[in-house]
Amino acid sequence: PAHRGPAQIFPAVRNAIFASMLTAKPTLLEPLQKLDIRVPQEYVSAIIAVVTKKRGRIIDMREQGMIMRIIAEVPVAESFDLAAELRSATSGRAFWGVEFSRWAPVPDNMLVDLIKKIRERKGLPPEIPKPEDFVPPY
């Protein structure tokens, strides 16, 4: 017992650890960006359309004189062409800033496809393993 370390213990408990992790119903988290958008009032509906199209949500809207200030959250994965879409939807009249907001679970309807893509990218079989795959039959 004096010379037992991770190299001796891990192979003995590896499959049990993997099975228990899968039994715990793991999920993936995605980063969300907070958008602070200032736009003339006539373009508010265009901004809302762009944000919702990007799986985002409006958190707050405030009127500041002739300008509306819109606070929204958008997943980083959906924000790669966001600047072009905001400019296009508002004819270049919107000003915005972006900062990290929080981590949020990936929606269930997207989770399986995302996991399969990640597994393929890593050279693993695309099917998601089940806890039974790591428990030997008796």
Protein backbone atom coordinates (compact mmCIF):
# COMPACT_ATOMS: atom_id res chain seq x y z
CA PRO A 1 0.00 0.00 0.00
CA ALA A 2 2.94 2.38 0.43
CA HIS A 3 3.62 2.68 -3.28
CA ARG A 4 0.16 3.28 -4.67
CA GLY A 5 -0.22 6.42 -6.72
CA PRO A 6 -2.45 7.69 -9.52
CA ALA A 7 -0.70 5.45 -12.06
CA GLN A 8 -1.90 2.38 -10.16
CA ILE A 9 -5.29 3.63 -8.95
CA PHE A 10 -6.69 5.36 -12.04
CA PRO A 11 -6.77 2.29 -14.34
CA ALA A 12 -8.74 0.44 -11.67
CA VAL A 13 -11.43 3.11 -11.29
CA ARG A 14 -11.37 4.73 -14.75
CA ASN A 15 -14.53 3.12 -16.15
CA ALA A 16 -16.46 3.70 -12.92
CA ILE A 17 -15.53 7.40 -13.02
CA PHE A 18 -16.60 7.73 -16.68
CA ALA A 19 -19.91 5.94 -16.01
CA SER A 20 -20.66 8.11 -12.98
CA MET A 21 -19.90 11.29 -14.93
CA LEU A 22 -22.37 10.28 -17.65
CA THR A 23 -24.98 9.32 -15.04
CA ALA A 24 -24.77 12.85 -13.60
CA LYS A 25 -26.41 14.28 -16.77
CA PRO A 26 -23.55 16.57 -17.84
CA THR A 27 -24.14 19.56 -20.10
CA LEU A 28 -22.07 22.07 -22.01
CA LEU A 29 -21.88 25.76 -21.18
CA GLU A 30 -21.53 28.49 -23.77
CA PRO A 31 -20.28 32.03 -23.21
CA LEU A 32 -22.79 34.87 -23.58
CA GLN A 33 -21.90 38.43 -24.56
CA LYS A 34 -23.69 41.46 -23.20
CA LEU A 35 -24.50 44.02 -25.88
CA ASP A 36 -25.03 47.68 -25.05
CA ILE A 37 -26.64 49.16 -28.17
CA ARG A 38 -27.56 52.80 -28.74
CA VAL A 39 -29.79 53.39 -31.73
CA PRO A 40 -32.37 55.92 -32.98
CA GLN A 41 -35.91 54.90 -32.03
CA GLU A 42 -36.98 54.07 -35.58
CA TYR A 43 -34.47 51.17 -35.68
CA VAL A 44 -35.46 49.46 -32.42
CA SER A 45 -37.53 46.77 -34.14
CA ALA A 46 -34.64 45.99 -36.50
CA ILE A 47 -32.28 45.58 -33.54
CA ILE A 48 -34.75 43.30 -31.76
CA ALA A 49 -35.06 41.18 -34.91
CA VAL A 50 -31.28 40.81 -35.23
CA VAL A 51 -30.84 39.92 -31.54
CA THR A 52 -33.62 37.29 -31.54
CA LYS A 53 -32.34 35.82 -34.82
CA LYS A 54 -29.00 35.27 -33.07
CA ARG A 55 -30.60 33.30 -30.19
CA GLY A 56 -30.26 36.40 -28.04
CA ARG A 57 -32.62 38.06 -25.62
CA ILE A 58 -33.38 41.65 -24.76
CA ILE A 59 -32.61 42.40 -21.10
CA ASP A 60 -33.47 46.09 -20.90
CA MET A 61 -34.59 49.01 -23.08
CA ARG A 62 -34.34 52.64 -22.00
CA GLU A 63 -35.20 55.83 -23.76
CA GLN A 64 -32.48 58.48 -23.56
CA GLY A 65 -33.78 61.49 -25.47
CA MET A 66 -34.01 60.61 -29.17
CA ILE A 67 -31.89 57.49 -28.65
CA MET A 68 -32.90 54.07 -27.32
CA ARG A 69 -30.41 52.14 -25.23
CA ILE A 70 -30.89 48.39 -25.59
CA ILE A 71 -29.14 45.87 -23.35
CA ALA A 72 -29.12 42.33 -24.75
CA GLU A 73 -27.36 38.98 -24.38
CA VAL A 74 -26.19 36.94 -27.36
CA PRO A 75 -24.22 33.66 -27.44
CA VAL A 76 -20.65 34.17 -28.64
CA ALA A 77 -21.12 31.37 -31.19
CA GLU A 78 -23.84 33.43 -32.89
CA SER A 79 -22.01 36.76 -32.83
CA PHE A 80 -19.40 36.35 -35.56
CA ASP A 81 -21.25 38.39 -38.20
CA LEU A 82 -23.18 40.48 -35.69
CA ALA A 83 -21.44 43.76 -36.55
CA ALA A 84 -22.33 43.50 -40.23
CA GLU A 85 -25.94 42.60 -39.43
CA LEU A 86 -26.36 45.48 -36.97
CA ARG A 87 -24.89 47.94 -39.46
CA SER A 88 -27.07 46.59 -42.25
CA ALA A 89 -30.27 46.61 -40.17
CA THR A 90 -29.74 50.18 -38.95
CA SER A 91 -28.05 51.73 -42.00
CA GLY A 92 -24.96 52.26 -39.87
CA ARG A 93 -26.80 54.34 -37.25
CA ALA A 94 -26.29 51.96 -34.29
CA PHE A 95 -23.43 52.21 -31.81
CA TRP A 96 -22.70 49.25 -29.58
CA GLY A 97 -20.28 47.79 -27.11
CA VAL A 98 -19.69 44.17 -26.22
CA GLU A 99 -18.47 42.52 -23.02
CA PHE A 100 -18.52 39.05 -21.48
CA SER A 101 -21.74 38.44 -19.56
CA ARG A 102 -21.86 34.87 -18.22
CA TRP A 103 -21.82 31.18 -19.02
CA ALA A 104 -25.16 29.52 -19.82
CA PRO A 105 -26.16 25.92 -20.65
CA VAL A 106 -26.41 25.10 -24.35
CA PRO A 107 -30.10 24.63 -25.27
CA ASP A 108 -31.17 20.98 -25.23
CA ASN A 109 -32.30 21.06 -28.86
CA MET A 110 -28.73 21.95 -29.96
CA LEU A 111 -26.75 19.88 -27.45
CA VAL A 112 -26.61 16.49 -29.20
CA ASP A 113 -25.55 17.94 -32.57
CA LEU A 114 -22.89 20.10 -30.90
CA ILE A 115 -21.47 17.14 -28.96
CA LYS A 116 -21.34 15.04 -32.14
CA LYS A 117 -19.46 17.80 -33.99
CA ILE A 118 -16.97 18.13 -31.13
CA ARG A 119 -16.43 14.36 -30.99
CA GLU A 120 -15.85 14.19 -34.77
CA ARG A 121 -13.39 17.10 -34.59
CA LYS A 122 -11.45 15.24 -31.89
CA GLY A 123 -11.38 12.01 -33.93
CA LEU A 124 -13.84 10.17 -31.68
CA PRO A 125 -16.86 8.18 -32.87
CA PRO A 126 -19.79 10.62 -33.21
CA GLU A 127 -22.24 8.62 -31.07
CA ILE A 128 -22.41 9.74 -27.46
CA PRO A 129 -21.35 6.99 -25.02
CA LYS A 130 -23.80 5.65 -22.47
CA PRO A 131 -22.97 4.77 -18.86
CA GLU A 132 -23.57 1.09 -19.73
CA ASP A 133 -20.59 1.25 -22.13
CA PHE A 134 -18.26 1.58 -19.13
CA VAL A 135 -19.81 -1.04 -16.84
CA PRO A 136 -18.79 -4.66 -17.51
CA PRO A 137 -21.61 -7.22 -17.85
CA TYR A 138 -21.97 -9.65 -14.94
